Amino acid sequence: MSLGPLIIVSGPAGSGKSTLIQMAVQAFGTRLRHSVSATTREPRTGEVDGVHYHFWTPERFETEVAAGEFLEHATVFGKHRYGTLRSEVERYRQQGIGVILDIDVQGAGQLRRTCPDGYFVFLDTPPGAYERRLRERGTDSEEAIRRRLAEARVELARAPDFDRRIVNDDLGRAAAELCQVIRDRFEDTQQRR
């Protein structure tokens, strides 16, 4: 059996990563799995442990880091830890299932070293859309929005480091483009067998 593809999707907050990944997972069914990250932050309203994130204490997170259980991990906005667990990726890929990750550019940089066979997609939006989307989702304070916008400028500078850049200016077209990237990765893994 060939190893399932690994697709890493990064981009600023509000670029539509979660929505596009959800659409891709629905399109591919059991052939594609969204990796659930671990975090030390508190759940937001409606978030479910083990579905949206693994919500862990800082102590548990550090124990798992020390045990080498993460493919990548980082402190985001100077306070909360996030990371991709090996168990959320490797066991599925070994079964031929594709795994798609939603991580920041810092984590994507680490994954380039730990998972060089991954395919890296940067999700972008038209100018001005980041701020509008952040405000529309209503989950962040004004201070958090300003911080996220500043971080978006840093992340945009890293876009050339990715294998593909998708502009999410039309949800249907962007979803179709991401699904084509995934289909191409499945074909690549079949040809390498």
N, C-alpha and C. Protein backbone atom coordinates (compact mmCIF):
# COMPACT_ATOMS: atom_id res chain seq x y z
N MET A 1 0.85 -1.19 0.00
CA MET A 1 0.00 0.00 0.00
C MET A 1 0.89 1.24 0.00
N SER A 2 0.52 2.23 -0.79
CA SER A 2 1.32 3.46 -0.84
C SER A 2 0.95 4.36 0.32
N LEU A 3 1.93 5.18 0.71
CA LEU A 3 1.74 6.14 1.80
C LEU A 3 0.76 7.21 1.35
N GLY A 4 -0.21 7.54 2.20
CA GLY A 4 -1.16 8.59 1.87
C GLY A 4 -0.47 9.93 1.81
N PRO A 5 -0.95 10.84 0.98
CA PRO A 5 -0.32 12.16 0.85
C PRO A 5 -0.54 13.02 2.09
N LEU A 6 0.38 13.95 2.30
CA LEU A 6 0.29 14.91 3.38
C LEU A 6 0.19 16.29 2.76
N ILE A 7 -0.91 16.99 3.02
CA ILE A 7 -1.14 18.33 2.49
C ILE A 7 -1.20 19.29 3.65
N ILE A 8 -0.35 20.30 3.61
CA ILE A 8 -0.27 21.30 4.68
C ILE A 8 -0.86 22.60 4.15
N VAL A 9 -1.88 23.11 4.82
CA VAL A 9 -2.53 24.35 4.41
C VAL A 9 -2.24 25.40 5.47
N SER A 10 -1.65 26.50 5.05
CA SER A 10 -1.33 27.61 5.94
C SER A 10 -1.85 28.90 5.34
N GLY A 11 -1.92 29.91 6.17
CA GLY A 11 -2.34 31.22 5.73
C GLY A 11 -2.84 32.00 6.92
N PRO A 12 -2.97 33.29 6.77
CA PRO A 12 -3.42 34.13 7.88
C PRO A 12 -4.80 33.75 8.40
N ALA A 13 -5.06 34.11 9.65
CA ALA A 13 -6.39 33.92 10.23
C ALA A 13 -7.41 34.64 9.35
N GLY A 14 -8.52 33.98 9.10
CA GLY A 14 -9.56 34.59 8.28
C GLY A 14 -9.41 34.34 6.79
N SER A 15 -8.42 33.53 6.40
CA SER A 15 -8.22 33.26 4.98
C SER A 15 -9.15 32.16 4.47
N GLY A 16 -9.83 31.48 5.40
CA GLY A 16 -10.78 30.44 4.99
C GLY A 16 -10.23 29.03 5.06
N LYS A 17 -9.13 28.84 5.78
CA LYS A 17 -8.51 27.51 5.86
C LYS A 17 -9.50 26.46 6.35
N SER A 18 -10.17 26.72 7.47
CA SER A 18 -11.07 25.72 8.05
C SER A 18 -12.21 25.37 7.10
N THR A 19 -12.78 26.36 6.46
CA THR A 19 -13.89 26.12 5.55
C THR A 19 -13.45 25.28 4.35
N LEU A 20 -12.33 25.65 3.74
CA LEU A 20 -11.86 24.92 2.56
C LEU A 20 -11.43 23.50 2.91
N ILE A 21 -10.80 23.33 4.06
CA ILE A 21 -10.39 21.99 4.48
C ILE A 21 -11.62 21.13 4.72
N GLN A 22 -12.63 21.69 5.36
CA GLN A 22 -13.86 20.95 5.61
C GLN A 22 -14.50 20.52 4.29
N MET A 23 -14.50 21.40 3.31
CA MET A 23 -15.07 21.08 2.00
C MET A 23 -14.27 19.96 1.32
N ALA A 24 -12.94 20.01 1.44
CA ALA A 24 -12.11 18.97 0.84
C ALA A 24 -12.34 17.62 1.52
N VAL A 25 -12.42 17.62 2.84
CA VAL A 25 -12.65 16.36 3.57
C VAL A 25 -14.00 15.77 3.17
N GLN A 26 -15.02 16.61 3.00
CA GLN A 26 -16.32 16.12 2.56
C GLN A 26 -16.23 15.55 1.14
N ALA A 27 -15.46 16.20 0.28
CA ALA A 27 -15.34 15.75 -1.11
C ALA A 27 -14.62 14.41 -1.22
N PHE A 28 -13.63 14.17 -0.37
CA PHE A 28 -12.82 12.95 -0.47
C PHE A 28 -13.30 11.84 0.46
N GLY A 29 -14.20 12.15 1.36
CA GLY A 29 -14.73 11.12 2.26
C GLY A 29 -13.64 10.47 3.10
N THR A 30 -13.67 9.15 3.16
CA THR A 30 -12.73 8.42 4.03
C THR A 30 -11.31 8.37 3.48
N ARG A 31 -11.09 8.89 2.28
CA ARG A 31 -9.73 8.90 1.71
C ARG A 31 -8.87 10.03 2.27
N LEU A 32 -9.50 11.02 2.95
CA LEU A 32 -8.79 12.19 3.45
C LEU A 32 -9.24 12.49 4.87
N ARG A 33 -8.26 12.75 5.72
CA ARG A 33 -8.54 13.02 7.13
C ARG A 33 -7.92 14.35 7.53
N HIS A 34 -8.72 15.16 8.25
CA HIS A 34 -8.20 16.40 8.80
C HIS A 34 -7.53 16.08 10.13
N SER A 35 -6.27 16.40 10.25
CA SER A 35 -5.53 16.17 11.50
C SER A 35 -6.02 17.12 12.58
N VAL A 36 -6.26 16.60 13.76
CA VAL A 36 -6.69 17.40 14.90
C VAL A 36 -5.46 17.80 15.70
N SER A 37 -5.21 19.11 15.79
CA SER A 37 -4.05 19.63 16.52
C SER A 37 -4.31 19.63 18.01
N ALA A 38 -3.22 19.66 18.78
CA ALA A 38 -3.31 19.84 20.23
C ALA A 38 -3.04 21.31 20.54
N THR A 39 -3.69 21.83 21.58
CA THR A 39 -3.48 23.21 21.98
C THR A 39 -3.64 23.35 23.49
N THR A 40 -3.03 24.41 24.02
CA THR A 40 -3.18 24.71 25.44
C THR A 40 -4.23 25.80 25.68
N ARG A 41 -4.83 26.32 24.62
CA ARG A 41 -5.84 27.36 24.83
C ARG A 41 -7.17 26.73 25.24
N GLU A 42 -8.04 27.55 25.79
CA GLU A 42 -9.37 27.10 26.19
C GLU A 42 -10.25 26.95 24.95
N PRO A 43 -11.20 26.03 24.98
CA PRO A 43 -12.12 25.89 23.84
C PRO A 43 -12.99 27.13 23.69
N ARG A 44 -13.25 27.49 22.43
CA ARG A 44 -14.21 28.55 22.13
C ARG A 44 -15.60 27.94 22.16
N THR A 45 -16.61 28.76 22.21
CA THR A 45 -17.99 28.29 22.22
C THR A 45 -18.23 27.37 21.01
N GLY A 46 -18.76 26.19 21.29
CA GLY A 46 -19.07 25.23 20.23
C GLY A 46 -17.94 24.28 19.88
N GLU A 47 -16.73 24.54 20.33
CA GLU A 47 -15.62 23.63 20.03
C GLU A 47 -15.67 22.40 20.93
N VAL A 48 -15.35 21.25 20.33
CA VAL A 48 -15.41 19.98 21.03
C VAL A 48 -14.02 19.37 21.09
N ASP A 49 -13.62 18.93 22.29
CA ASP A 49 -12.32 18.29 22.48
C ASP A 49 -12.24 17.02 21.62
N GLY A 50 -11.13 16.87 20.90
CA GLY A 50 -10.92 15.72 20.05
C GLY A 50 -11.52 15.86 18.67
N VAL A 51 -12.35 16.88 18.47
CA VAL A 51 -12.94 17.14 17.15
C VAL A 51 -12.29 18.37 16.54
N HIS A 52 -12.34 19.49 17.25
CA HIS A 52 -11.75 20.73 16.76
C HIS A 52 -10.28 20.82 17.14
N TYR A 53 -9.96 20.47 18.35
CA TYR A 53 -8.59 20.41 18.88
C TYR A 53 -8.58 19.38 20.00
N HIS A 54 -7.37 18.98 20.38
CA HIS A 54 -7.16 18.27 21.63
C HIS A 54 -6.80 19.38 22.61
N PHE A 55 -7.69 19.69 23.55
CA PHE A 55 -7.45 20.77 24.50
C PHE A 55 -6.71 20.20 25.71
N TRP A 56 -5.45 20.56 25.82
CA TRP A 56 -4.58 19.99 26.85
C TRP A 56 -4.10 21.07 27.81
N THR A 57 -3.69 20.63 28.98
CA THR A 57 -3.04 21.52 29.93
C THR A 57 -1.63 21.80 29.42
N PRO A 58 -1.02 22.91 29.82
CA PRO A 58 0.37 23.17 29.44
C PRO A 58 1.31 22.04 29.90
N GLU A 59 1.02 21.45 31.04
CA GLU A 59 1.88 20.37 31.55
C GLU A 59 1.82 19.14 30.64
N ARG A 60 0.62 18.77 30.23
CA ARG A 60 0.51 17.61 29.33
C ARG A 60 1.18 17.90 28.00
N PHE A 61 1.00 19.10 27.49
CA PHE A 61 1.61 19.48 26.22
C PHE A 61 3.13 19.32 26.31
N GLU A 62 3.72 19.85 27.37
CA GLU A 62 5.18 19.78 27.55
C GLU A 62 5.66 18.34 27.69
N THR A 63 4.87 17.50 28.37
CA THR A 63 5.23 16.09 28.51
C THR A 63 5.29 15.42 27.15
N GLU A 64 4.32 15.71 26.30
CA GLU A 64 4.28 15.11 24.96
C GLU A 64 5.39 15.66 24.06
N VAL A 65 5.74 16.94 24.23
CA VAL A 65 6.88 17.51 23.49
C VAL A 65 8.15 16.75 23.87
N ALA A 66 8.37 16.58 25.18
CA ALA A 66 9.57 15.89 25.67
C ALA A 66 9.63 14.44 25.19
N ALA A 67 8.47 13.82 25.00
CA ALA A 67 8.41 12.43 24.54
C ALA A 67 8.56 12.31 23.03
N GLY A 68 8.66 13.45 22.32
CA GLY A 68 8.82 13.42 20.85
C GLY A 68 7.55 13.08 20.10
N GLU A 69 6.40 13.38 20.70
CA GLU A 69 5.12 13.02 20.08
C GLU A 69 4.61 14.01 19.04
N PHE A 70 5.32 15.11 18.82
CA PHE A 70 4.87 16.13 17.87
C PHE A 70 5.74 16.15 16.62
N LEU A 71 5.10 16.33 15.47
CA LEU A 71 5.82 16.59 14.22
C LEU A 71 6.26 18.05 14.17
N GLU A 72 5.45 18.91 14.78
CA GLU A 72 5.77 20.33 14.89
C GLU A 72 4.98 20.88 16.05
N HIS A 73 5.51 21.95 16.65
CA HIS A 73 4.80 22.63 17.72
C HIS A 73 5.35 24.04 17.85
N ALA A 74 4.51 24.93 18.37
CA ALA A 74 4.92 26.33 18.49
C ALA A 74 4.07 27.03 19.53
N THR A 75 4.60 28.16 19.99
CA THR A 75 3.83 29.07 20.83
C THR A 75 3.30 30.16 19.91
N VAL A 76 1.99 30.37 19.93
CA VAL A 76 1.35 31.32 19.02
C VAL A 76 0.89 32.54 19.81
N PHE A 77 1.17 33.71 19.26
CA PHE A 77 0.83 34.98 19.89
C PHE A 77 1.39 35.08 21.31
N GLY A 78 2.50 34.39 21.54
CA GLY A 78 3.21 34.51 22.81
C GLY A 78 2.56 33.87 24.00
N LYS A 79 1.47 33.09 23.79
CA LYS A 79 0.86 32.53 24.99
C LYS A 79 0.36 31.11 24.88
N HIS A 80 -0.22 30.69 23.80
CA HIS A 80 -0.79 29.34 23.71
C HIS A 80 0.07 28.45 22.83
N ARG A 81 0.18 27.18 23.21
CA ARG A 81 0.93 26.20 22.44
C ARG A 81 -0.02 25.47 21.49
N TYR A 82 0.47 25.18 20.31
CA TYR A 82 -0.24 24.40 19.31
C TYR A 82 0.74 23.40 18.73
N GLY A 83 0.25 22.24 18.31
CA GLY A 83 1.14 21.28 17.69
C GLY A 83 0.41 20.18 16.96
N THR A 84 1.13 19.54 16.04
CA THR A 84 0.62 18.42 15.25
C THR A 84 1.20 17.13 15.80
N LEU A 85 0.32 16.27 16.27
CA LEU A 85 0.73 14.99 16.85
C LEU A 85 1.09 13.98 15.77
N ARG A 86 2.17 13.24 16.00
CA ARG A 86 2.55 12.16 15.07
C ARG A 86 1.40 11.18 14.89
N SER A 87 0.70 10.87 15.98
CA SER A 87 -0.40 9.89 15.94
C SER A 87 -1.56 10.35 15.07
N GLU A 88 -1.69 11.65 14.85
CA GLU A 88 -2.77 12.19 14.02
C GLU A 88 -2.41 12.15 12.53
N VAL A 89 -1.15 11.83 12.23
CA VAL A 89 -0.69 11.87 10.85
C VAL A 89 -0.18 10.51 10.37
N GLU A 90 0.80 9.97 11.07
CA GLU A 90 1.53 8.81 10.56
C GLU A 90 0.69 7.55 10.41
N ARG A 91 -0.15 7.24 11.39
CA ARG A 91 -0.92 5.99 11.30
C ARG A 91 -1.90 6.01 10.14
N TYR A 92 -2.46 7.16 9.82
CA TYR A 92 -3.40 7.26 8.71
C TYR A 92 -2.67 7.19 7.37
N ARG A 93 -1.57 7.90 7.27
CA ARG A 93 -0.81 7.87 6.01
C ARG A 93 -0.34 6.46 5.70
N GLN A 94 0.03 5.69 6.72
CA GLN A 94 0.49 4.31 6.51
C GLN A 94 -0.62 3.42 5.96
N GLN A 95 -1.88 3.82 6.19
CA GLN A 95 -3.03 3.08 5.67
C GLN A 95 -3.45 3.58 4.28
N GLY A 96 -2.68 4.52 3.71
CA GLY A 96 -2.98 5.06 2.39
C GLY A 96 -3.97 6.22 2.43
N ILE A 97 -4.33 6.68 3.63
CA ILE A 97 -5.27 7.78 3.79
C ILE A 97 -4.50 9.10 3.73
N GLY A 98 -5.00 10.04 2.97
CA GLY A 98 -4.39 11.36 2.93
C GLY A 98 -4.70 12.12 4.21
N VAL A 99 -3.77 12.96 4.62
CA VAL A 99 -3.95 13.77 5.82
C VAL A 99 -3.74 15.23 5.43
N ILE A 100 -4.67 16.07 5.86
CA ILE A 100 -4.57 17.50 5.59
C ILE A 100 -4.45 18.24 6.91
N LEU A 101 -3.51 19.17 6.96
CA LEU A 101 -3.23 19.94 8.17
C LEU A 101 -3.59 21.40 7.98
N ASP A 102 -4.05 22.02 9.03
CA ASP A 102 -4.34 23.46 9.09
C ASP A 102 -3.38 24.03 10.13
N ILE A 103 -2.27 24.61 9.67
CA ILE A 103 -1.28 25.13 10.63
C ILE A 103 -0.75 26.48 10.17
N ASP A 104 -0.11 27.19 11.10
CA ASP A 104 0.45 28.49 10.76
C ASP A 104 1.78 28.32 10.01
N VAL A 105 2.30 29.41 9.47
CA VAL A 105 3.52 29.31 8.67
C VAL A 105 4.72 28.88 9.50
N GLN A 106 4.71 29.19 10.78
CA GLN A 106 5.80 28.75 11.67
C GLN A 106 5.83 27.21 11.72
N GLY A 107 4.67 26.61 11.91
CA GLY A 107 4.59 25.15 11.94
C GLY A 107 4.91 24.54 10.58
N ALA A 108 4.49 25.20 9.51
CA ALA A 108 4.79 24.70 8.17
C ALA A 108 6.30 24.66 7.94
N GLY A 109 7.01 25.66 8.45
CA GLY A 109 8.46 25.67 8.33
C GLY A 109 9.10 24.47 9.03
N GLN A 110 8.59 24.13 10.20
CA GLN A 110 9.10 22.94 10.91
C GLN A 110 8.78 21.67 10.14
N LEU A 111 7.58 21.59 9.57
CA LEU A 111 7.18 20.39 8.84
C LEU A 111 8.00 20.18 7.57
N ARG A 112 8.53 21.24 7.00
CA ARG A 112 9.40 21.08 5.83
C ARG A 112 10.59 20.19 6.18
N ARG A 113 11.04 20.29 7.43
CA ARG A 113 12.17 19.46 7.88
C ARG A 113 11.73 18.06 8.30
N THR A 114 10.62 17.95 9.03
CA THR A 114 10.20 16.65 9.55
C THR A 114 9.41 15.82 8.54
N CYS A 115 8.76 16.48 7.59
CA CYS A 115 7.94 15.79 6.58
C CYS A 115 8.25 16.35 5.20
N PRO A 116 9.43 16.09 4.67
CA PRO A 116 9.81 16.69 3.39
C PRO A 116 8.95 16.25 2.21
N ASP A 117 8.18 15.17 2.37
CA ASP A 117 7.30 14.74 1.28
C ASP A 117 5.94 15.42 1.32
N GLY A 118 5.73 16.32 2.27
CA GLY A 118 4.47 17.05 2.35
C GLY A 118 4.35 18.05 1.21
N TYR A 119 3.12 18.42 0.90
CA TYR A 119 2.86 19.43 -0.12
C TYR A 119 2.27 20.64 0.59
N PHE A 120 2.88 21.80 0.39
CA PHE A 120 2.58 22.99 1.18
C PHE A 120 1.78 24.01 0.36
N VAL A 121 0.58 24.33 0.87
CA VAL A 121 -0.35 25.25 0.20
C VAL A 121 -0.52 26.49 1.08
N PHE A 122 -0.32 27.66 0.48
CA PHE A 122 -0.57 28.92 1.18
C PHE A 122 -1.89 29.47 0.71
N LEU A 123 -2.78 29.73 1.66
CA LEU A 123 -4.10 30.25 1.34
C LEU A 123 -4.10 31.76 1.58
N ASP A 124 -4.48 32.48 0.56
CA ASP A 124 -4.47 33.94 0.58
C ASP A 124 -5.88 34.47 0.27
N THR A 125 -6.09 35.74 0.53
CA THR A 125 -7.36 36.38 0.18
C THR A 125 -7.06 37.70 -0.52
N PRO A 126 -8.06 38.27 -1.18
CA PRO A 126 -7.85 39.59 -1.80
C PRO A 126 -7.57 40.64 -0.72
N PRO A 127 -6.92 41.73 -1.08
CA PRO A 127 -6.64 42.80 -0.10
C PRO A 127 -7.90 43.24 0.64
N GLY A 128 -7.78 43.41 1.94
CA GLY A 128 -8.88 43.86 2.76
C GLY A 128 -9.80 42.77 3.28
N ALA A 129 -9.73 41.59 2.68
CA ALA A 129 -10.64 40.52 3.08
C ALA A 129 -10.30 39.94 4.45
N TYR A 130 -9.00 39.91 4.81
CA TYR A 130 -8.63 39.35 6.12
C TYR A 130 -9.36 40.06 7.24
N GLU A 131 -9.24 41.38 7.26
CA GLU A 131 -9.84 42.15 8.35
C GLU A 131 -11.36 41.98 8.37
N ARG A 132 -11.98 42.04 7.21
CA ARG A 132 -13.44 41.89 7.14
C ARG A 132 -13.86 40.53 7.69
N ARG A 133 -13.17 39.45 7.28
CA ARG A 133 -13.53 38.10 7.73
C ARG A 133 -13.30 37.93 9.23
N LEU A 134 -12.19 38.49 9.73
CA LEU A 134 -11.93 38.40 11.17
C LEU A 134 -13.06 39.07 11.97
N ARG A 135 -13.48 40.21 11.49
CA ARG A 135 -14.55 40.93 12.19
C ARG A 135 -15.89 40.20 12.07
N GLU A 136 -16.17 39.63 10.91
CA GLU A 136 -17.44 38.94 10.68
C GLU A 136 -17.58 37.68 11.53
N ARG A 137 -16.48 36.99 11.78
CA ARG A 137 -16.62 35.75 12.55
C ARG A 137 -16.87 36.02 14.03
N GLY A 138 -16.56 37.23 14.51
CA GLY A 138 -16.95 37.65 15.84
C GLY A 138 -16.36 36.89 17.01
N THR A 139 -15.19 36.27 16.82
CA THR A 139 -14.59 35.49 17.90
C THR A 139 -13.42 36.20 18.58
N ASP A 140 -12.98 37.34 18.04
CA ASP A 140 -11.78 38.00 18.54
C ASP A 140 -12.08 39.42 19.02
N SER A 141 -11.33 39.85 20.03
CA SER A 141 -11.41 41.23 20.51
C SER A 141 -10.72 42.15 19.50
N GLU A 142 -10.90 43.44 19.67
CA GLU A 142 -10.25 44.41 18.79
C GLU A 142 -8.73 44.26 18.87
N GLU A 143 -8.21 44.06 20.07
CA GLU A 143 -6.77 43.86 20.24
C GLU A 143 -6.29 42.61 19.51
N ALA A 144 -7.06 41.54 19.62
CA ALA A 144 -6.71 40.29 18.94
C ALA A 144 -6.75 40.47 17.42
N ILE A 145 -7.72 41.21 16.92
CA ILE A 145 -7.80 41.46 15.47
C ILE A 145 -6.57 42.23 15.00
N ARG A 146 -6.18 43.27 15.73
CA ARG A 146 -4.98 44.03 15.35
C ARG A 146 -3.73 43.14 15.36
N ARG A 147 -3.64 42.29 16.37
CA ARG A 147 -2.50 41.37 16.47
C ARG A 147 -2.50 40.39 15.29
N ARG A 148 -3.67 39.86 14.96
CA ARG A 148 -3.77 38.92 13.84
C ARG A 148 -3.44 39.59 12.50
N LEU A 149 -3.85 40.84 12.33
CA LEU A 149 -3.53 41.56 11.10
C LEU A 149 -2.02 41.79 10.97
N ALA A 150 -1.37 42.12 12.09
CA ALA A 150 0.09 42.29 12.07
C ALA A 150 0.77 40.97 11.73
N GLU A 151 0.27 39.88 12.31
CA GLU A 151 0.83 38.56 12.04
C GLU A 151 0.59 38.17 10.57
N ALA A 152 -0.54 38.56 10.01
CA ALA A 152 -0.84 38.26 8.61
C ALA A 152 0.20 38.87 7.69
N ARG A 153 0.65 40.09 7.99
CA ARG A 153 1.69 40.72 7.15
C ARG A 153 2.97 39.90 7.17
N VAL A 154 3.33 39.37 8.32
CA VAL A 154 4.53 38.52 8.44
C VAL A 154 4.33 37.22 7.65
N GLU A 155 3.13 36.63 7.79
CA GLU A 155 2.85 35.37 7.10
C GLU A 155 2.83 35.55 5.59
N LEU A 156 2.27 36.65 5.10
CA LEU A 156 2.24 36.90 3.66
C LEU A 156 3.64 36.96 3.05
N ALA A 157 4.59 37.44 3.82
CA ALA A 157 5.97 37.50 3.34
C ALA A 157 6.56 36.10 3.13
N ARG A 158 5.98 35.08 3.78
CA ARG A 158 6.48 33.70 3.66
C ARG A 158 5.77 32.91 2.56
N ALA A 159 4.77 33.49 1.91
CA ALA A 159 4.01 32.78 0.88
C ALA A 159 4.89 32.17 -0.21
N PRO A 160 5.98 32.83 -0.65
CA PRO A 160 6.81 32.22 -1.70
C PRO A 160 7.50 30.91 -1.28
N ASP A 161 7.52 30.61 0.02
CA ASP A 161 8.13 29.37 0.51
C ASP A 161 7.26 28.15 0.25
N PHE A 162 6.03 28.35 -0.19
CA PHE A 162 5.07 27.25 -0.34
C PHE A 162 5.05 26.73 -1.77
N ASP A 163 4.60 25.47 -1.92
CA ASP A 163 4.53 24.83 -3.23
C ASP A 163 3.43 25.43 -4.10
N ARG A 164 2.36 25.90 -3.46
CA ARG A 164 1.21 26.42 -4.21
C ARG A 164 0.56 27.54 -3.41
N ARG A 165 0.09 28.54 -4.10
CA ARG A 165 -0.64 29.64 -3.47
C ARG A 165 -2.03 29.66 -4.08
N ILE A 166 -3.05 29.60 -3.21
CA ILE A 166 -4.43 29.64 -3.65
C ILE A 166 -5.05 30.91 -3.08
N VAL A 167 -5.63 31.73 -3.95
CA VAL A 167 -6.31 32.94 -3.51
C VAL A 167 -7.78 32.60 -3.31
N ASN A 168 -8.26 32.79 -2.09
CA ASN A 168 -9.65 32.47 -1.76
C ASN A 168 -10.53 33.70 -1.99
N ASP A 169 -10.69 34.05 -3.27
CA ASP A 169 -11.55 35.17 -3.64
C ASP A 169 -12.93 34.68 -4.08
N ASP A 170 -13.04 33.38 -4.35
CA ASP A 170 -14.29 32.74 -4.70
C ASP A 170 -14.25 31.36 -4.07
N LEU A 171 -15.12 31.10 -3.10
CA LEU A 171 -15.06 29.88 -2.31
C LEU A 171 -15.12 28.62 -3.17
N GLY A 172 -16.04 28.57 -4.11
CA GLY A 172 -16.18 27.39 -4.97
C GLY A 172 -14.93 27.12 -5.79
N ARG A 173 -14.38 28.19 -6.39
CA ARG A 173 -13.18 28.02 -7.21
C ARG A 173 -11.99 27.61 -6.35
N ALA A 174 -11.83 28.24 -5.17
CA ALA A 174 -10.71 27.92 -4.28
C ALA A 174 -10.83 26.48 -3.78
N ALA A 175 -12.04 26.03 -3.46
CA ALA A 175 -12.24 24.64 -3.02
C ALA A 175 -11.89 23.67 -4.14
N ALA A 176 -12.31 24.00 -5.37
CA ALA A 176 -12.00 23.13 -6.51
C ALA A 176 -10.49 23.06 -6.73
N GLU A 177 -9.80 24.19 -6.56
CA GLU A 177 -8.35 24.20 -6.74
C GLU A 177 -7.66 23.36 -5.66
N LEU A 178 -8.11 23.49 -4.42
CA LEU A 178 -7.52 22.68 -3.35
C LEU A 178 -7.80 21.20 -3.59
N CYS A 179 -9.00 20.85 -4.00
CA CYS A 179 -9.32 19.45 -4.29
C CYS A 179 -8.46 18.90 -5.43
N GLN A 180 -8.17 19.73 -6.43
CA GLN A 180 -7.30 19.27 -7.52
C GLN A 180 -5.88 19.02 -7.02
N VAL A 181 -5.40 19.89 -6.13
CA VAL A 181 -4.08 19.68 -5.52
C VAL A 181 -4.05 18.32 -4.81
N ILE A 182 -5.10 18.02 -4.07
CA ILE A 182 -5.17 16.75 -3.32
C ILE A 182 -5.23 15.57 -4.28
N ARG A 183 -6.04 15.66 -5.33
CA ARG A 183 -6.10 14.58 -6.33
C ARG A 183 -4.73 14.33 -6.94
N ASP A 184 -4.03 15.42 -7.26
CA ASP A 184 -2.68 15.30 -7.84
C ASP A 184 -1.72 14.60 -6.87
N ARG A 185 -1.85 14.89 -5.58
CA ARG A 185 -0.98 14.26 -4.59
C ARG A 185 -1.28 12.77 -4.48
N PHE A 186 -2.57 12.40 -4.54
CA PHE A 186 -2.92 10.98 -4.51
C PHE A 186 -2.33 10.27 -5.74
N GLU A 187 -2.41 10.91 -6.90
CA GLU A 187 -1.83 10.32 -8.11
C GLU A 187 -0.32 10.17 -7.97
N ASP A 188 0.35 11.16 -7.41
CA ASP A 188 1.80 11.08 -7.20
C ASP A 188 2.17 9.90 -6.30
N THR A 189 1.40 9.69 -5.22
CA THR A 189 1.73 8.59 -4.31
C THR A 189 1.49 7.25 -4.99
N GLN A 190 0.49 7.15 -5.86
CA GLN A 190 0.24 5.90 -6.58
C GLN A 190 1.39 5.60 -7.56
N GLN A 191 1.91 6.64 -8.21
CA GLN A 191 2.99 6.46 -9.18
C GLN A 191 4.30 6.07 -8.49
N ARG A 192 4.49 6.46 -7.24
CA ARG A 192 5.73 6.14 -6.51
C ARG A 192 5.74 4.72 -5.98
N ARG A 193 4.62 4.02 -6.03
CA ARG A 193 4.55 2.65 -5.49
C ARG A 193 5.45 1.71 -6.22
